[in-house]
Amino acid sequence: QLVESGGGLVQAGDSLRLSCAASGRINYPMGWFRQAPGKERE
């Protein structure tokens, strides 16, 4: 089970730190992906 947090509204040039809490094994391969409006997930 994976739960993301940390998203929000920022201005260009700002920084954000996203976090993903994992209920399973932390040594699993893990990654971040994104899907912009009207686009495919990447």
PDB file of all heavy atoms in Angstrom:
ATOM      1  N   GLN A   1       0.846  -1.182   0.000  1.00  0.00           N
ATOM      2  CA  GLN A   1       0.000   0.000   0.000  1.00  0.00           C
ATOM      3  C   GLN A   1       0.883   1.235   0.000  1.00  0.00           C
ATOM      4  O   GLN A   1       1.828   1.328   0.788  1.00  0.00           O
ATOM      5  CB  GLN A   1      -0.930   0.016   1.206  1.00  0.00           C
ATOM      6  CG  GLN A   1      -1.962  -1.095   1.198  1.00  0.00           C
ATOM      7  CD  GLN A   1      -2.942  -0.988   2.356  1.00  0.00           C
ATOM      8  OE1 GLN A   1      -3.059   0.059   2.991  1.00  0.00           O
ATOM      9  NE2 GLN A   1      -3.635  -2.073   2.621  1.00  0.00           N
ATOM     10  N   LEU A   2       0.576   2.160  -0.880  1.00  0.00           N
ATOM     11  CA  LEU A   2       1.372   3.361  -1.045  1.00  0.00           C
ATOM     12  C   LEU A   2       0.494   4.596  -0.915  1.00  0.00           C
ATOM     13  O   LEU A   2      -0.577   4.660  -1.510  1.00  0.00           O
ATOM     14  CB  LEU A   2       2.047   3.365  -2.420  1.00  0.00           C
ATOM     15  CG  LEU A   2       2.880   2.124  -2.767  1.00  0.00           C
ATOM     16  CD1 LEU A   2       3.260   2.144  -4.242  1.00  0.00           C
ATOM     17  CD2 LEU A   2       4.130   2.080  -1.896  1.00  0.00           C
ATOM     18  N   VAL A   3       0.952   5.564  -0.135  1.00  0.00           N
ATOM     19  CA  VAL A   3       0.209   6.792   0.077  1.00  0.00           C
ATOM     20  C   VAL A   3       1.124   7.986  -0.130  1.00  0.00           C
ATOM     21  O   VAL A   3       2.085   8.171   0.616  1.00  0.00           O
ATOM     22  CB  VAL A   3      -0.408   6.851   1.488  1.00  0.00           C
ATOM     23  CG1 VAL A   3      -1.192   8.148   1.654  1.00  0.00           C
ATOM     24  CG2 VAL A   3      -1.304   5.650   1.726  1.00  0.00           C
ATOM     25  N   GLU A   4       0.804   8.799  -1.141  1.00  0.00           N
ATOM     26  CA  GLU A   4       1.604   9.978  -1.445  1.00  0.00           C
ATOM     27  C   GLU A   4       1.106  11.187  -0.667  1.00  0.00           C
ATOM     28  O   GLU A   4      -0.075  11.290  -0.345  1.00  0.00           O
ATOM     29  CB  GLU A   4       1.554  10.304  -2.946  1.00  0.00           C
ATOM     30  CG  GLU A   4       1.963   9.157  -3.863  1.00  0.00           C
ATOM     31  CD  GLU A   4       0.788   8.345  -4.352  1.00  0.00           C
ATOM     32  OE1 GLU A   4      -0.265   8.331  -3.669  1.00  0.00           O
ATOM     33  OE2 GLU A   4       0.905   7.724  -5.424  1.00  0.00           O
ATOM     34  N   SER A   5       2.011  12.125  -0.413  1.00  0.00           N
ATOM     35  CA  SER A   5       1.656  13.377   0.234  1.00  0.00           C
ATOM     36  C   SER A   5       2.689  14.435  -0.131  1.00  0.00           C
ATOM     37  O   SER A   5       3.758  14.117  -0.642  1.00  0.00           O
ATOM     38  CB  SER A   5       1.591  13.221   1.757  1.00  0.00           C
ATOM     39  OG  SER A   5       2.855  12.865   2.290  1.00  0.00           O
ATOM     40  N   GLY A   6       2.368  15.688   0.131  1.00  0.00           N
ATOM     41  CA  GLY A   6       3.306  16.772  -0.096  1.00  0.00           C
ATOM     42  C   GLY A   6       3.012  17.659  -1.284  1.00  0.00           C
ATOM     43  O   GLY A   6       3.689  18.672  -1.486  1.00  0.00           O
ATOM     44  N   GLY A   7       2.023  17.303  -2.085  1.00  0.00           N
ATOM     45  CA  GLY A   7       1.686  18.117  -3.238  1.00  0.00           C
ATOM     46  C   GLY A   7       1.068  19.439  -2.820  1.00  0.00           C
ATOM     47  O   GLY A   7       0.662  19.622  -1.675  1.00  0.00           O
ATOM     48  N   GLY A   8       1.008  20.365  -3.774  1.00  0.00           N
ATOM     49  CA  GLY A   8       0.432  21.657  -3.480  1.00  0.00           C
ATOM     50  C   GLY A   8       0.609  22.625  -4.624  1.00  0.00           C
ATOM     51  O   GLY A   8       1.060  22.254  -5.710  1.00  0.00           O
ATOM     52  N   LEU A   9       0.247  23.875  -4.377  1.00  0.00           N
ATOM     53  CA  LEU A   9       0.364  24.940  -5.371  1.00  0.00           C
ATOM     54  C   LEU A   9       1.587  25.783  -5.060  1.00  0.00           C
ATOM     55  O   LEU A   9       1.705  26.328  -3.959  1.00  0.00           O
ATOM     56  CB  LEU A   9      -0.897  25.809  -5.362  1.00  0.00           C
ATOM     57  CG  LEU A   9      -0.881  27.062  -6.231  1.00  0.00           C
ATOM     58  CD1 LEU A   9      -0.730  26.682  -7.694  1.00  0.00           C
ATOM     59  CD2 LEU A   9      -2.158  27.866  -6.010  1.00  0.00           C
ATOM     60  N   VAL A  10       2.490  25.892  -6.025  1.00  0.00           N
ATOM     61  CA  VAL A  10       3.709  26.678  -5.855  1.00  0.00           C
ATOM     62  C   VAL A  10       3.960  27.506  -7.106  1.00  0.00           C
ATOM     63  O   VAL A  10       3.325  27.311  -8.142  1.00  0.00           O
ATOM     64  CB  VAL A  10       4.939  25.791  -5.582  1.00  0.00           C
ATOM     65  CG1 VAL A  10       4.763  25.007  -4.292  1.00  0.00           C
ATOM     66  CG2 VAL A  10       5.176  24.839  -6.750  1.00  0.00           C
ATOM     67  N   GLN A  11       4.905  28.429  -7.000  1.00  0.00           N
ATOM     68  CA  GLN A  11       5.294  29.250  -8.136  1.00  0.00           C
ATOM     69  C   GLN A  11       6.530  28.680  -8.800  1.00  0.00           C
ATOM     70  O   GLN A  11       7.303  27.947  -8.186  1.00  0.00           O
ATOM     71  CB  GLN A  11       5.568  30.690  -7.694  1.00  0.00           C
ATOM     72  CG  GLN A  11       4.345  31.450  -7.231  1.00  0.00           C
ATOM     73  CD  GLN A  11       4.658  32.901  -6.914  1.00  0.00           C
ATOM     74  OE1 GLN A  11       5.663  33.199  -6.285  1.00  0.00           O
ATOM     75  NE2 GLN A  11       3.802  33.796  -7.370  1.00  0.00           N
ATOM     76  N   ALA A  12       6.718  29.017 -10.063  1.00  0.00           N
ATOM     77  CA  ALA A  12       7.898  28.576 -10.792  1.00  0.00           C
ATOM     78  C   ALA A  12       9.158  28.972 -10.030  1.00  0.00           C
ATOM     79  O   ALA A  12       9.270  30.094  -9.538  1.00  0.00           O
ATOM     80  CB  ALA A  12       7.907  29.175 -12.190  1.00  0.00           C
ATOM     81  N   GLY A  13      10.098  28.032  -9.940  1.00  0.00           N
ATOM     82  CA  GLY A  13      11.332  28.275  -9.225  1.00  0.00           C
ATOM     83  C   GLY A  13      11.306  27.783  -7.792  1.00  0.00           C
ATOM     84  O   GLY A  13      12.358  27.651  -7.158  1.00  0.00           O
ATOM     85  N   ASP A  14      10.125  27.500  -7.277  1.00  0.00           N
ATOM     86  CA  ASP A  14       9.988  27.005  -5.907  1.00  0.00           C
ATOM     87  C   ASP A  14      10.364  25.534  -5.805  1.00  0.00           C
ATOM     88  O   ASP A  14      10.640  24.872  -6.807  1.00  0.00           O
ATOM     89  CB  ASP A  14       8.554  27.202  -5.413  1.00  0.00           C
ATOM     90  CG  ASP A  14       8.237  28.636  -5.062  1.00  0.00           C
ATOM     91  OD1 ASP A  14       9.161  29.476  -5.068  1.00  0.00           O
ATOM     92  OD2 ASP A  14       7.059  28.925  -4.783  1.00  0.00           O
ATOM     93  N   SER A  15      10.354  25.037  -4.586  1.00  0.00           N
ATOM     94  CA  SER A  15      10.670  23.639  -4.320  1.00  0.00           C
ATOM     95  C   SER A  15       9.540  22.961  -3.561  1.00  0.00           C
ATOM     96  O   SER A  15       8.789  23.610  -2.832  1.00  0.00           O
ATOM     97  CB  SER A  15      11.958  23.518  -3.499  1.00  0.00           C
ATOM     98  OG  SER A  15      13.075  24.021  -4.204  1.00  0.00           O
ATOM     99  N   LEU A  16       9.432  21.664  -3.746  1.00  0.00           N
ATOM    100  CA  LEU A  16       8.479  20.839  -3.019  1.00  0.00           C
ATOM    101  C   LEU A  16       9.132  19.504  -2.735  1.00  0.00           C
ATOM    102  O   LEU A  16       9.983  19.048  -3.499  1.00  0.00           O
ATOM    103  CB  LEU A  16       7.206  20.601  -3.832  1.00  0.00           C
ATOM    104  CG  LEU A  16       6.041  21.577  -3.728  1.00  0.00           C
ATOM    105  CD1 LEU A  16       4.906  21.094  -4.619  1.00  0.00           C
ATOM    106  CD2 LEU A  16       5.566  21.716  -2.289  1.00  0.00           C
ATOM    107  N   ARG A  17       8.709  18.883  -1.658  1.00  0.00           N
ATOM    108  CA  ARG A  17       9.204  17.562  -1.321  1.00  0.00           C
ATOM    109  C   ARG A  17       8.008  16.632  -1.172  1.00  0.00           C
ATOM    110  O   ARG A  17       7.188  16.800  -0.268  1.00  0.00           O
ATOM    111  CB  ARG A  17      10.011  17.585  -0.024  1.00  0.00           C
ATOM    112  CG  ARG A  17      10.685  16.250   0.312  1.00  0.00           C
ATOM    113  CD  ARG A  17      11.535  16.363   1.570  1.00  0.00           C
ATOM    114  NE  ARG A  17      12.175  15.111   1.933  1.00  0.00           N
ATOM    115  CZ  ARG A  17      13.327  14.684   1.443  1.00  0.00           C
ATOM    116  NH1 ARG A  17      13.986  15.429   0.556  1.00  0.00           N
ATOM    117  NH2 ARG A  17      13.850  13.521   1.836  1.00  0.00           N
ATOM    118  N   LEU A  18       7.920  15.660  -2.060  1.00  0.00           N
ATOM    119  CA  LEU A  18       6.858  14.675  -2.006  1.00  0.00           C
ATOM    120  C   LEU A  18       7.305  13.483  -1.177  1.00  0.00           C
ATOM    121  O   LEU A  18       8.489  13.150  -1.146  1.00  0.00           O
ATOM    122  CB  LEU A  18       6.473  14.201  -3.407  1.00  0.00           C
ATOM    123  CG  LEU A  18       6.060  15.268  -4.421  1.00  0.00           C
ATOM    124  CD1 LEU A  18       5.641  14.604  -5.722  1.00  0.00           C
ATOM    125  CD2 LEU A  18       4.932  16.130  -3.859  1.00  0.00           C
ATOM    126  N   SER A  19       6.358  12.846  -0.533  1.00  0.00           N
ATOM    127  CA  SER A  19       6.661  11.684   0.278  1.00  0.00           C
ATOM    128  C   SER A  19       5.692  10.560  -0.048  1.00  0.00           C
ATOM    129  O   SER A  19       4.521  10.803  -0.317  1.00  0.00           O
ATOM    130  CB  SER A  19       6.575  12.031   1.770  1.00  0.00           C
ATOM    131  OG  SER A  19       6.901  10.916   2.576  1.00  0.00           O
ATOM    132  N   CYS A  20       6.192   9.343  -0.028  1.00  0.00           N
ATOM    133  CA  CYS A  20       5.382   8.158  -0.263  1.00  0.00           C
ATOM    134  C   CYS A  20       5.580   7.203   0.895  1.00  0.00           C
ATOM    135  O   CYS A  20       6.693   6.699   1.101  1.00  0.00           O
ATOM    136  CB  CYS A  20       5.785   7.496  -1.585  1.00  0.00           C
ATOM    137  SG  CYS A  20       4.984   5.904  -1.898  1.00  0.00           S
ATOM    138  N   ALA A  21       4.520   6.966   1.648  1.00  0.00           N
ATOM    139  CA  ALA A  21       4.575   6.039   2.776  1.00  0.00           C
ATOM    140  C   ALA A  21       4.221   4.650   2.284  1.00  0.00           C
ATOM    141  O   ALA A  21       3.165   4.452   1.686  1.00  0.00           O
ATOM    142  CB  ALA A  21       3.620   6.486   3.876  1.00  0.00           C
ATOM    143  N   ALA A  22       5.103   3.697   2.533  1.00  0.00           N
ATOM    144  CA  ALA A  22       4.912   2.328   2.072  1.00  0.00           C
ATOM    145  C   ALA A  22       4.614   1.393   3.231  1.00  0.00           C
ATOM    146  O   ALA A  22       5.328   1.384   4.234  1.00  0.00           O
ATOM    147  CB  ALA A  22       6.148   1.845   1.324  1.00  0.00           C
ATOM    148  N   SER A  23       3.549   0.600   3.064  1.00  0.00           N
ATOM    149  CA  SER A  23       3.196  -0.370   4.096  1.00  0.00           C
ATOM    150  C   SER A  23       3.929  -1.687   3.897  1.00  0.00           C
ATOM    151  O   SER A  23       4.009  -2.501   4.801  1.00  0.00           O
ATOM    152  CB  SER A  23       1.689  -0.612   4.092  1.00  0.00           C
ATOM    153  OG  SER A  23       1.268  -1.197   2.871  1.00  0.00           O
ATOM    154  N   GLY A  24       4.456  -1.904   2.707  1.00  0.00           N
ATOM    155  CA  GLY A  24       5.164  -3.125   2.384  1.00  0.00           C
ATOM    156  C   GLY A  24       6.660  -3.014   2.604  1.00  0.00           C
ATOM    157  O   GLY A  24       7.120  -2.210   3.411  1.00  0.00           O
ATOM    158  N   ARG A  25       7.396  -3.809   1.848  1.00  0.00           N
ATOM    159  CA  ARG A  25       8.850  -3.840   1.982  1.00  0.00           C
ATOM    160  C   ARG A  25       9.483  -2.593   1.397  1.00  0.00           C
ATOM    161  O   ARG A  25       9.253  -2.247   0.241  1.00  0.00           O
ATOM    162  CB  ARG A  25       9.409  -5.077   1.295  1.00  0.00           C
ATOM    163  CG  ARG A  25       8.879  -6.384   1.854  1.00  0.00           C
ATOM    164  CD  ARG A  25       9.423  -7.573   1.083  1.00  0.00           C
ATOM    165  NE  ARG A  25       8.852  -8.823   1.559  1.00  0.00           N
ATOM    166  CZ  ARG A  25       9.114 -10.009   1.034  1.00  0.00           C
ATOM    167  NH1 ARG A  25       9.941 -10.111   0.003  1.00  0.00           N
ATOM    168  NH2 ARG A  25       8.538 -11.093   1.533  1.00  0.00           N
ATOM    169  N   ILE A  26      10.301  -1.944   2.183  1.00  0.00           N
ATOM    170  CA  ILE A  26      10.936  -0.715   1.747  1.00  0.00           C
ATOM    171  C   ILE A  26      12.017  -0.966   0.702  1.00  0.00           C
ATOM    172  O   ILE A  26      12.406  -0.038  -0.017  1.00  0.00           O
ATOM    173  CB  ILE A  26      11.523   0.046   2.963  1.00  0.00           C
ATOM    174  CG1 ILE A  26      11.890   1.474   2.564  1.00  0.00           C
ATOM    175  CG2 ILE A  26      12.726  -0.705   3.517  1.00  0.00           C
ATOM    176  CD1 ILE A  26      10.711   2.301   2.114  1.00  0.00           C
ATOM    177  N   ASN A  27      12.498  -2.200   0.594  1.00  0.00           N
ATOM    178  CA  ASN A  27      13.546  -2.492  -0.378  1.00  0.00           C
ATOM    179  C   ASN A  27      13.011  -2.825  -1.765  1.00  0.00           C
ATOM    180  O   ASN A  27      13.787  -3.126  -2.671  1.00  0.00           O
ATOM    181  CB  ASN A  27      14.463  -3.619   0.120  1.00  0.00           C
ATOM    182  CG  ASN A  27      13.738  -4.936   0.288  1.00  0.00           C
ATOM    183  OD1 ASN A  27      12.527  -4.980   0.422  1.00  0.00           O
ATOM    184  ND2 ASN A  27      14.503  -6.023   0.299  1.00  0.00           N
ATOM    185  N   TYR A  28      11.690  -2.787  -1.940  1.00  0.00           N
ATOM    186  CA  TYR A  28      11.114  -2.963  -3.265  1.00  0.00           C
ATOM    187  C   TYR A  28      11.594  -1.860  -4.179  1.00  0.00           C
ATOM    188  O   TYR A  28      11.828  -0.736  -3.742  1.00  0.00           O
ATOM    189  CB  TYR A  28       9.594  -2.879  -3.193  1.00  0.00           C
ATOM    190  CG  TYR A  28       8.864  -4.151  -2.862  1.00  0.00           C
ATOM    191  CD1 TYR A  28       9.531  -5.327  -2.571  1.00  0.00           C
ATOM    192  CD2 TYR A  28       7.470  -4.158  -2.839  1.00  0.00           C
ATOM    193  CE1 TYR A  28       8.838  -6.485  -2.263  1.00  0.00           C
ATOM    194  CE2 TYR A  28       6.767  -5.308  -2.536  1.00  0.00           C
ATOM    195  CZ  TYR A  28       7.447  -6.471  -2.249  1.00  0.00           C
ATOM    196  OH  TYR A  28       6.756  -7.616  -1.946  1.00  0.00           O
ATOM    197  N   PRO A  29      11.733  -2.163  -5.466  1.00  0.00           N
ATOM    198  CA  PRO A  29      11.995  -1.081  -6.416  1.00  0.00           C
ATOM    199  C   PRO A  29      10.816  -0.123  -6.368  1.00  0.00           C
ATOM    200  O   PRO A  29       9.656  -0.556  -6.359  1.00  0.00           O
ATOM    201  CB  PRO A  29      12.065  -1.803  -7.766  1.00  0.00           C
ATOM    202  CG  PRO A  29      12.459  -3.201  -7.424  1.00  0.00           C
ATOM    203  CD  PRO A  29      11.744  -3.479  -6.131  1.00  0.00           C
ATOM    204  N   MET A  30      11.089   1.157  -6.313  1.00  0.00           N
ATOM    205  CA  MET A  30      10.031   2.144  -6.222  1.00  0.00           C
ATOM    206  C   MET A  30      10.356   3.326  -7.121  1.00  0.00           C
ATOM    207  O   MET A  30      11.512   3.566  -7.459  1.00  0.00           O
ATOM    208  CB  MET A  30       9.840   2.627  -4.781  1.00  0.00           C
ATOM    209  CG  MET A  30       9.467   1.531  -3.807  1.00  0.00           C
ATOM    210  SD  MET A  30       9.275   2.128  -2.113  1.00  0.00           S
ATOM    211  CE  MET A  30       7.748   3.082  -2.279  1.00  0.00           C
ATOM    212  N   GLY A  31       9.316   4.048  -7.476  1.00  0.00           N
ATOM    213  CA  GLY A  31       9.543   5.183  -8.348  1.00  0.00           C
ATOM    214  C   GLY A  31       8.430   6.204  -8.294  1.00  0.00           C
ATOM    215  O   GLY A  31       7.374   5.966  -7.692  1.00  0.00           O
ATOM    216  N   TRP A  32       8.693   7.333  -8.919  1.00  0.00           N
ATOM    217  CA  TRP A  32       7.721   8.400  -9.046  1.00  0.00           C
ATOM    218  C   TRP A  32       7.349   8.569 -10.511  1.00  0.00           C
ATOM    219  O   TRP A  32       8.221   8.544 -11.390  1.00  0.00           O
ATOM    220  CB  TRP A  32       8.274   9.718  -8.503  1.00  0.00           C
ATOM    221  CG  TRP A  32       8.414   9.744  -7.016  1.00  0.00           C
ATOM    222  CD1 TRP A  32       9.538   9.495  -6.291  1.00  0.00           C
ATOM    223  CD2 TRP A  32       7.378  10.049  -6.077  1.00  0.00           C
ATOM    224  NE1 TRP A  32       9.273   9.620  -4.944  1.00  0.00           N
ATOM    225  CE2 TRP A  32       7.957   9.960  -4.788  1.00  0.00           C
ATOM    226  CE3 TRP A  32       6.035  10.389  -6.196  1.00  0.00           C
ATOM    227  CZ2 TRP A  32       7.227  10.202  -3.626  1.00  0.00           C
ATOM    228  CZ3 TRP A  32       5.305  10.622  -5.043  1.00  0.00           C
ATOM    229  CH2 TRP A  32       5.904  10.532  -3.777  1.00  0.00           C
ATOM    230  N   PHE A  33       6.079   8.765 -10.756  1.00  0.00           N
ATOM    231  CA  PHE A  33       5.539   8.954 -12.086  1.00  0.00           C
ATOM    232  C   PHE A  33       4.569  10.120 -12.029  1.00  0.00           C
ATOM    233  O   PHE A  33       4.106  10.494 -10.961  1.00  0.00           O
ATOM    234  CB  PHE A  33       4.824   7.686 -12.567  1.00  0.00           C
ATOM    235  CG  PHE A  33       5.706   6.463 -12.550  1.00  0.00           C
ATOM    236  CD1 PHE A  33       5.960   5.792 -11.362  1.00  0.00           C
ATOM    237  CD2 PHE A  33       6.293   5.994 -13.718  1.00  0.00           C
ATOM    238  CE1 PHE A  33       6.777   4.672 -11.322  1.00  0.00           C
ATOM    239  CE2 PHE A  33       7.117   4.870 -13.699  1.00  0.00           C
ATOM    240  CZ  PHE A  33       7.362   4.217 -12.504  1.00  0.00           C
ATOM    241  N   ARG A  34       4.269  10.697 -13.160  1.00  0.00           N
ATOM    242  CA  ARG A  34       3.348  11.822 -13.157  1.00  0.00           C
ATOM    243  C   ARG A  34       2.476  11.819 -14.403  1.00  0.00           C
ATOM    244  O   ARG A  34       2.839  11.273 -15.437  1.00  0.00           O
ATOM    245  CB  ARG A  34       4.104  13.150 -13.058  1.00  0.00           C
ATOM    246  CG  ARG A  34       4.957  13.497 -14.276  1.00  0.00           C
ATOM    247  CD  ARG A  34       5.791  14.735 -14.008  1.00  0.00           C
ATOM    248  NE  ARG A  34       6.572  15.129 -15.176  1.00  0.00           N
ATOM    249  CZ  ARG A  34       7.480  16.097 -15.169  1.00  0.00           C
ATOM    250  NH1 ARG A  34       7.725  16.768 -14.046  1.00  0.00           N
ATOM    251  NH2 ARG A  34       8.154  16.395 -16.275  1.00  0.00           N
ATOM    252  N   GLN A  35       1.335  12.441 -14.265  1.00  0.00           N
ATOM    253  CA  GLN A  35       0.420  12.566 -15.379  1.00  0.00           C
ATOM    254  C   GLN A  35      -0.109  13.996 -15.411  1.00  0.00           C
ATOM    255  O   GLN A  35      -0.838  14.417 -14.515  1.00  0.00           O
ATOM    256  CB  GLN A  35      -0.744  11.572 -15.268  1.00  0.00           C
ATOM    257  CG  GLN A  35      -1.645  11.557 -16.481  1.00  0.00           C
ATOM    258  CD  GLN A  35      -2.561  10.344 -16.514  1.00  0.00           C
ATOM    259  OE1 GLN A  35      -2.725   9.654 -15.509  1.00  0.00           O
ATOM    260  NE2 GLN A  35      -3.134  10.063 -17.658  1.00  0.00           N
ATOM    261  N   ALA A  36       0.294  14.728 -16.430  1.00  0.00           N
ATOM    262  CA  ALA A  36      -0.144  16.099 -16.604  1.00  0.00           C
ATOM    263  C   ALA A  36      -1.525  16.115 -17.255  1.00  0.00           C
ATOM    264  O   ALA A  36      -1.919  15.143 -17.908  1.00  0.00           O
ATOM    265  CB  ALA A  36       0.852  16.867 -17.459  1.00  0.00           C
ATOM    266  N   PRO A  37      -2.261  17.207 -17.101  1.00  0.00           N
ATOM    267  CA  PRO A  37      -3.592  17.304 -17.713  1.00  0.00           C
ATOM    268  C   PRO A  37      -3.546  17.047 -19.212  1.00  0.00           C
ATOM    269  O   PRO A  37      -2.748  17.665 -19.928  1.00  0.00           O
ATOM    270  CB  PRO A  37      -4.008  18.737 -17.410  1.00  0.00           C
ATOM    271  CG  PRO A  37      -3.274  19.071 -16.154  1.00  0.00           C
ATOM    272  CD  PRO A  37      -1.935  18.410 -16.321  1.00  0.00           C
ATOM    273  N   GLY A  38      -4.356  16.134 -19.686  1.00  0.00           N
ATOM    274  CA  GLY A  38      -4.430  15.836 -21.103  1.00  0.00           C
ATOM    275  C   GLY A  38      -3.279  15.039 -21.662  1.00  0.00           C
ATOM    276  O   GLY A  38      -3.189  14.868 -22.879  1.00  0.00           O
ATOM    277  N   LYS A  39      -2.389  14.542 -20.813  1.00  0.00           N
ATOM    278  CA  LYS A  39      -1.238  13.789 -21.281  1.00  0.00           C
ATOM    279  C   LYS A  39      -1.192  12.392 -20.672  1.00  0.00           C
ATOM    280  O   LYS A  39      -1.897  12.096 -19.713  1.00  0.00           O
ATOM    281  CB  LYS A  39       0.055  14.535 -20.961  1.00  0.00           C
ATOM    282  CG  LYS A  39       0.205  15.869 -21.671  1.00  0.00           C
ATOM    283  CD  LYS A  39       1.553  16.493 -21.407  1.00  0.00           C
ATOM    284  CE  LYS A  39       1.727  17.788 -22.162  1.00  0.00           C
ATOM    285  NZ  LYS A  39       3.066  18.398 -21.929  1.00  0.00           N
ATOM    286  N   GLU A  40      -0.352  11.544 -21.243  1.00  0.00           N
ATOM    287  CA  GLU A  40      -0.170  10.197 -20.728  1.00  0.00           C
ATOM    288  C   GLU A  40       0.725  10.212 -19.505  1.00  0.00           C
ATOM    289  O   GLU A  40       1.536  11.122 -19.321  1.00  0.00           O
ATOM    290  CB  GLU A  40       0.442   9.299 -21.805  1.00  0.00           C
ATOM    291  CG  GLU A  40      -0.423   9.104 -23.038  1.00  0.00           C
ATOM    292  CD  GLU A  40      -1.693   8.356 -22.730  1.00  0.00           C
ATOM    293  OE1 GLU A  40      -1.636   7.368 -21.971  1.00  0.00           O
ATOM    294  OE2 GLU A  40      -2.745   8.746 -23.250  1.00  0.00           O
ATOM    295  N   ARG A  41       0.569   9.210 -18.657  1.00  0.00           N
ATOM    296  CA  ARG A  41       1.416   9.093 -17.495  1.00  0.00           C
ATOM    297  C   ARG A  41       2.857   8.818 -17.940  1.00  0.00           C
ATOM    298  O   ARG A  41       3.096   8.076 -18.889  1.00  0.00           O
ATOM    299  CB  ARG A  41       0.919   7.965 -16.585  1.00  0.00           C
ATOM    300  CG  ARG A  41       1.588   7.929 -15.219  1.00  0.00           C
ATOM    301  CD  ARG A  41       0.919   6.905 -14.305  1.00  0.00           C
ATOM    302  NE  ARG A  41      -0.484   7.210 -14.084  1.00  0.00           N
ATOM    303  CZ  ARG A  41      -1.274   6.532 -13.254  1.00  0.00           C
ATOM    304  NH1 ARG A  41      -0.779   5.506 -12.563  1.00  0.00           N
ATOM    305  NH2 ARG A  41      -2.548   6.874 -13.126  1.00  0.00           N
ATOM    306  N   GLU A  42       3.820   9.424 -17.252  1.00  0.00           N
ATOM    307  CA  GLU A  42       5.212   9.271 -17.625  1.00  0.00           C
ATOM    308  C   GLU A  42       6.104   9.036 -16.410  1.00  0.00           C
ATOM    309  O   GLU A  42       5.767   9.404 -15.287  1.00  0.00           O
ATOM    310  CB  GLU A  42       5.707  10.506 -18.382  1.00  0.00           C
ATOM    311  CG  GLU A  42       5.723  11.775 -17.553  1.00  0.00           C
ATOM    312  CD  GLU A  42       6.266  12.973 -18.307  1.00  0.00           C
ATOM    313  OE1 GLU A  42       6.638  12.825 -19.489  1.00  0.00           O
ATOM    314  OE2 GLU A  42       6.319  14.074 -17.716  1.00  0.00           O
TER     315      GLU A  42
END
